[in-house]
């Protein structure tokens, strides 16, 4: 692992970002789920306390993804719909709950410190700025809109668009194809070792760990996302 962000002179042509835990502060996502469950209680009068309903929500969302076979894509929107039904105790059409869910996201979701300004600075250069994320495409676009980054990315590779999740090589191959960049000229910024670091490294990309565990697949580690500018040789 290279701990010195100024210690490499590679000609980086592409920088790919994960969303949850990197661009997006996951604490704010948890807060949005609580506020949404509170909104469900106001609308439907839940049969349990908000705390119990929130635990049910988390269990159902988790179960939805645990039932996934290998790296197949499973929709987060489908997970949320399943969780809504479990919390309310009845089937609720998506056109009834989705607008409230998105409203709460707009009010609650926050970027991690330095994320927005770093993406914006990268977007000012001729480097390809992309996303590689296990997320529904519409949810990714909503997050970009909330953060003011709707036009900042040159490519958005989601599990929905590829049909697979990280660390499947198909995710990284699709991102590299969109960037028209060789893997040795690309960086992946992620917060999960097995999915982001190992998956990207196996596909030939270099990796930047932001919160991810250490290991042989980590090339750089940053505590501040603005350090990515130092790695690629851009003035802050």
Protein backbone atom coordinates (compact mmCIF):
# COMPACT_ATOMS: atom_id res chain seq x y z
CA UNK A 1 0.00 0.00 0.00
CA UNK A 2 1.24 3.48 -0.86
CA UNK A 3 0.48 5.76 2.09
CA UNK A 4 2.04 8.78 0.41
CA UNK A 5 -0.51 10.41 -1.91
CA UNK A 6 2.31 12.32 -3.61
CA UNK A 7 4.50 9.28 -4.09
CA UNK A 8 3.17 8.15 -7.48
CA UNK A 9 3.42 9.76 -10.90
CA UNK A 10 1.13 7.43 -12.83
CA UNK A 11 -0.89 9.03 -15.62
CA UNK A 12 -4.35 8.51 -14.18
CA UNK A 13 -7.01 8.72 -16.87
CA UNK A 14 -10.08 7.65 -14.89
CA UNK A 15 -11.30 7.91 -11.30
CA UNK A 16 -14.29 5.79 -10.28
CA UNK A 17 -16.32 6.37 -7.12
CA UNK A 18 -18.48 4.13 -4.99
CA UNK A 19 -21.59 5.86 -3.63
CA UNK A 20 -22.62 4.50 -0.22
CA UNK A 21 -19.88 5.15 2.32
CA UNK A 22 -17.78 7.21 -0.10
CA UNK A 23 -19.86 9.89 -1.84
CA UNK A 24 -22.74 9.34 0.57
CA UNK A 25 -22.52 9.58 4.36
CA UNK A 26 -24.12 6.27 5.42
CA UNK A 27 -25.17 7.80 8.73
CA UNK A 28 -27.42 10.18 6.83
CA UNK A 29 -28.92 7.22 4.94
CA UNK A 30 -29.75 5.52 8.25
CA UNK A 31 -31.30 8.77 9.45
CA UNK A 32 -33.42 8.96 6.29
CA UNK A 33 -34.74 5.45 6.93
CA UNK A 34 -35.79 6.38 10.45
CA UNK A 35 -37.50 9.55 9.27
CA UNK A 36 -39.28 7.61 6.54
CA UNK A 37 -40.56 5.04 9.04
CA UNK A 38 -41.78 7.94 11.18
CA UNK A 39 -43.60 9.28 8.11
CA UNK A 40 -45.18 5.86 7.56
CA UNK A 41 -46.37 5.94 11.16
CA UNK A 42 -47.99 9.34 10.61
CA UNK A 43 -49.73 8.13 7.45
CA UNK A 44 -50.71 4.58 8.36
CA UNK A 45 -50.62 4.41 12.16
CA UNK A 46 -48.13 1.56 12.52
CA UNK A 47 -49.06 -1.40 14.75
CA UNK A 48 -45.71 -1.17 16.60
CA UNK A 49 -43.44 1.55 17.94
CA UNK A 50 -41.19 3.37 15.47
CA UNK A 51 -38.14 1.65 16.97
CA UNK A 52 -39.62 -1.81 16.43
CA UNK A 53 -40.82 -0.84 12.95
CA UNK A 54 -37.37 0.45 12.06
CA UNK A 55 -35.83 -2.85 13.12
CA UNK A 56 -38.38 -4.67 10.96
CA UNK A 57 -37.48 -2.36 8.07
CA UNK A 58 -33.76 -3.14 8.41
CA UNK A 59 -34.41 -6.88 8.72
CA UNK A 60 -36.56 -7.02 5.59
CA UNK A 61 -34.14 -4.94 3.53
CA UNK A 62 -31.25 -7.11 4.68
CA UNK A 63 -33.15 -10.31 3.94
CA UNK A 64 -33.92 -9.11 0.43
CA UNK A 65 -30.23 -8.81 -0.39
CA UNK A 66 -29.19 -11.93 1.52
CA UNK A 67 -31.47 -13.95 -0.76
CA UNK A 68 -29.41 -12.85 -3.74
CA UNK A 69 -27.67 -15.64 -5.68
CA UNK A 70 -23.98 -14.82 -5.99
CA UNK A 71 -23.47 -11.39 -7.53
CA UNK A 72 -26.86 -11.09 -9.21
CA UNK A 73 -28.50 -7.67 -9.04
CA UNK A 74 -31.39 -7.17 -6.65
CA UNK A 75 -33.23 -3.86 -6.65
CA UNK A 76 -33.06 -1.63 -3.59
CA UNK A 77 -36.44 -0.19 -4.58
CA UNK A 78 -37.89 -3.71 -4.39
CA UNK A 79 -36.23 -4.11 -0.98
CA UNK A 80 -37.78 -0.89 0.27
CA UNK A 81 -41.22 -1.91 -1.01
CA UNK A 82 -40.94 -5.23 0.78
CA UNK A 83 -39.91 -3.44 3.97
CA UNK A 84 -42.81 -0.97 3.71
CA UNK A 85 -45.31 -3.83 3.44
CA UNK A 86 -43.78 -5.57 6.46
CA UNK A 87 -43.78 -2.40 8.57
CA UNK A 88 -47.34 -1.35 7.65
CA UNK A 89 -48.69 -4.91 7.76
CA UNK A 90 -50.35 -4.60 4.36
CA UNK A 91 -49.44 -4.16 0.70
CA UNK A 92 -48.72 -0.52 -0.13
CA UNK A 93 -48.37 0.48 -3.82
CA UNK A 94 -45.06 2.13 -4.67
CA UNK A 95 -46.80 5.26 -5.98
CA UNK A 96 -48.06 5.80 -2.43
CA UNK A 97 -44.79 5.40 -0.51
CA UNK A 98 -42.06 6.29 -3.04
CA UNK A 99 -42.72 10.07 -3.22
CA UNK A 100 -42.48 10.32 0.58
CA UNK A 101 -39.32 8.20 0.59
CA UNK A 102 -37.65 10.44 -2.00
CA UNK A 103 -38.77 13.58 -0.17
CA UNK A 104 -37.15 12.34 3.03
CA UNK A 105 -33.97 11.47 1.10
CA UNK A 106 -33.80 15.00 -0.29
CA UNK A 107 -34.20 16.42 3.21
CA UNK A 108 -31.75 14.06 4.91
CA UNK A 109 -28.99 12.63 2.72
CA UNK A 110 -25.57 14.24 3.07
CA UNK A 111 -22.27 13.77 1.24
CA UNK A 112 -19.12 12.78 3.06
CA UNK A 113 -16.76 15.70 3.76
CA UNK A 114 -14.77 16.69 0.70
CA UNK A 115 -16.70 14.43 -1.68
CA UNK A 116 -18.55 17.07 -3.66
CA UNK A 117 -15.64 19.47 -4.06
CA UNK A 118 -13.30 16.65 -5.08
CA UNK A 119 -15.67 15.33 -7.74
CA UNK A 120 -16.25 18.86 -9.03
CA UNK A 121 -12.50 19.52 -9.20
CA UNK A 122 -11.89 16.25 -11.07
CA UNK A 123 -14.72 17.08 -13.46
CA UNK A 124 -12.88 20.27 -14.43
CA UNK A 125 -10.01 18.20 -15.84
CA UNK A 126 -9.80 15.89 -18.84
CA UNK A 127 -9.87 12.81 -16.61
CA UNK A 128 -12.87 10.50 -16.80
CA UNK A 129 -14.96 10.73 -13.62
CA UNK A 130 -17.24 7.76 -13.10
CA UNK A 131 -19.28 5.81 -10.60
CA UNK A 132 -19.25 2.07 -9.91
CA UNK A 133 -21.96 1.27 -7.38
CA UNK A 134 -24.28 -1.53 -6.25
CA UNK A 135 -27.35 0.68 -6.49
CA UNK A 136 -30.45 1.23 -8.57
CA UNK A 137 -29.78 3.74 -11.33
CA UNK A 138 -32.69 6.02 -10.38
CA UNK A 139 -31.53 6.18 -6.77
CA UNK A 140 -28.00 7.02 -7.88
CA UNK A 141 -29.33 9.85 -10.06
CA UNK A 142 -31.42 11.16 -7.18
CA UNK A 143 -28.38 11.27 -4.90
CA UNK A 144 -26.36 13.14 -7.54
CA UNK A 145 -29.18 15.64 -7.89
CA UNK A 146 -29.37 16.16 -4.12
CA UNK A 147 -25.60 16.77 -3.96
CA UNK A 148 -25.55 19.08 -6.99
CA UNK A 149 -23.54 16.56 -9.03
CA UNK A 150 -26.11 15.72 -11.70
CA UNK A 151 -23.73 16.73 -14.51
CA UNK A 152 -20.41 15.89 -12.85
CA UNK A 153 -19.96 12.27 -13.91
CA UNK A 154 -18.91 11.06 -17.34
CA UNK A 155 -20.30 7.58 -16.69
CA UNK A 156 -22.49 5.87 -14.11
CA UNK A 157 -22.10 2.10 -13.84
CA UNK A 158 -24.71 0.63 -11.53
CA UNK A 159 -25.54 -2.94 -10.64
CA UNK A 160 -28.91 -2.37 -12.23
CA UNK A 161 -27.32 -1.45 -15.55
CA UNK A 162 -24.89 -4.39 -15.51
CA UNK A 163 -27.07 -6.98 -13.78
CA UNK A 164 -24.28 -7.87 -11.34
CA UNK A 165 -22.83 -6.51 -8.12
CA UNK A 166 -19.26 -5.91 -7.04
CA UNK A 167 -16.83 -7.65 -6.82
CA UNK A 168 -17.99 -9.21 -10.11
CA UNK A 169 -15.49 -8.23 -12.80
CA UNK A 170 -18.38 -7.32 -15.12
CA UNK A 171 -18.95 -4.17 -13.06
CA UNK A 172 -15.40 -2.90 -13.49
CA UNK A 173 -15.13 -4.02 -17.11
CA UNK A 174 -18.29 -2.04 -17.94
CA UNK A 175 -16.90 1.04 -16.19
CA UNK A 176 -13.57 0.80 -18.01
CA UNK A 177 -15.34 0.37 -21.34
CA UNK A 178 -17.39 3.50 -20.65
CA UNK A 179 -14.21 5.41 -19.83
CA UNK A 180 -12.24 3.90 -22.73
CA UNK A 181 -9.36 3.59 -20.29
CA UNK A 182 -6.90 0.73 -19.65
CA UNK A 183 -7.27 -0.65 -16.11
CA UNK A 184 -3.74 0.36 -15.14
CA UNK A 185 -4.68 4.02 -15.66
CA UNK A 186 -7.80 3.87 -13.47
CA UNK A 187 -8.44 4.38 -9.76
CA UNK A 188 -11.36 2.95 -7.77
CA UNK A 189 -12.34 4.78 -4.58
CA UNK A 190 -14.27 2.52 -2.20
CA UNK A 191 -15.08 1.75 1.41
CA UNK A 192 -15.46 -2.06 1.33
CA UNK A 193 -12.45 -4.30 0.98
CA UNK A 194 -13.97 -7.40 -0.63
CA UNK A 195 -16.30 -5.54 -2.98
CA UNK A 196 -14.44 -2.37 -3.92
CA UNK A 197 -10.76 -3.00 -3.25
CA UNK A 198 -10.42 -6.68 -4.14
CA UNK A 199 -12.91 -6.50 -6.99
CA UNK A 200 -11.19 -3.53 -8.60
CA UNK A 201 -7.70 -4.94 -8.05
CA UNK A 202 -8.69 -8.26 -9.63
CA UNK A 203 -9.84 -6.29 -12.68
CA UNK A 204 -6.48 -4.51 -12.86
CA UNK A 205 -7.43 -1.13 -11.37
CA UNK A 206 -5.54 0.62 -8.60
CA UNK A 207 -7.49 1.24 -5.42
CA UNK A 208 -8.06 4.04 -2.94
CA UNK A 209 -9.45 2.91 0.41
CA UNK A 210 -11.67 5.34 2.25
CA UNK A 211 -12.68 3.46 5.38
CA UNK A 212 -12.05 0.04 3.83
CA UNK A 213 -10.03 -2.57 5.70
CA UNK A 214 -6.36 -2.84 4.86
CA UNK A 215 -4.99 -5.63 2.69
CA UNK A 216 -2.96 -6.42 -0.42
CA UNK A 217 -5.67 -5.01 -2.70
CA UNK A 218 -5.27 -1.50 -1.23
CA UNK A 219 -2.87 0.80 -3.12
CA UNK A 220 -3.70 4.06 -1.35
CA UNK A 221 -5.52 4.95 1.84
CA UNK A 222 -7.11 8.35 2.46
CA UNK A 223 -8.84 9.81 5.49
CA UNK A 224 -9.91 12.91 3.57
CA UNK A 225 -11.39 12.50 0.10
CA UNK A 226 -9.60 15.64 -1.05
CA UNK A 227 -6.36 13.62 -0.86
CA UNK A 228 -7.48 11.93 -4.08
CA UNK A 229 -6.54 15.15 -5.87
CA UNK A 230 -3.00 14.74 -4.55
CA UNK A 231 -2.87 11.16 -5.80
CA UNK A 232 -3.84 12.10 -9.34
CA UNK A 233 -1.68 15.23 -9.34
CA UNK A 234 -4.33 17.95 -9.32
CA UNK A 235 -4.00 21.18 -7.36
CA UNK A 236 -6.63 21.52 -4.65
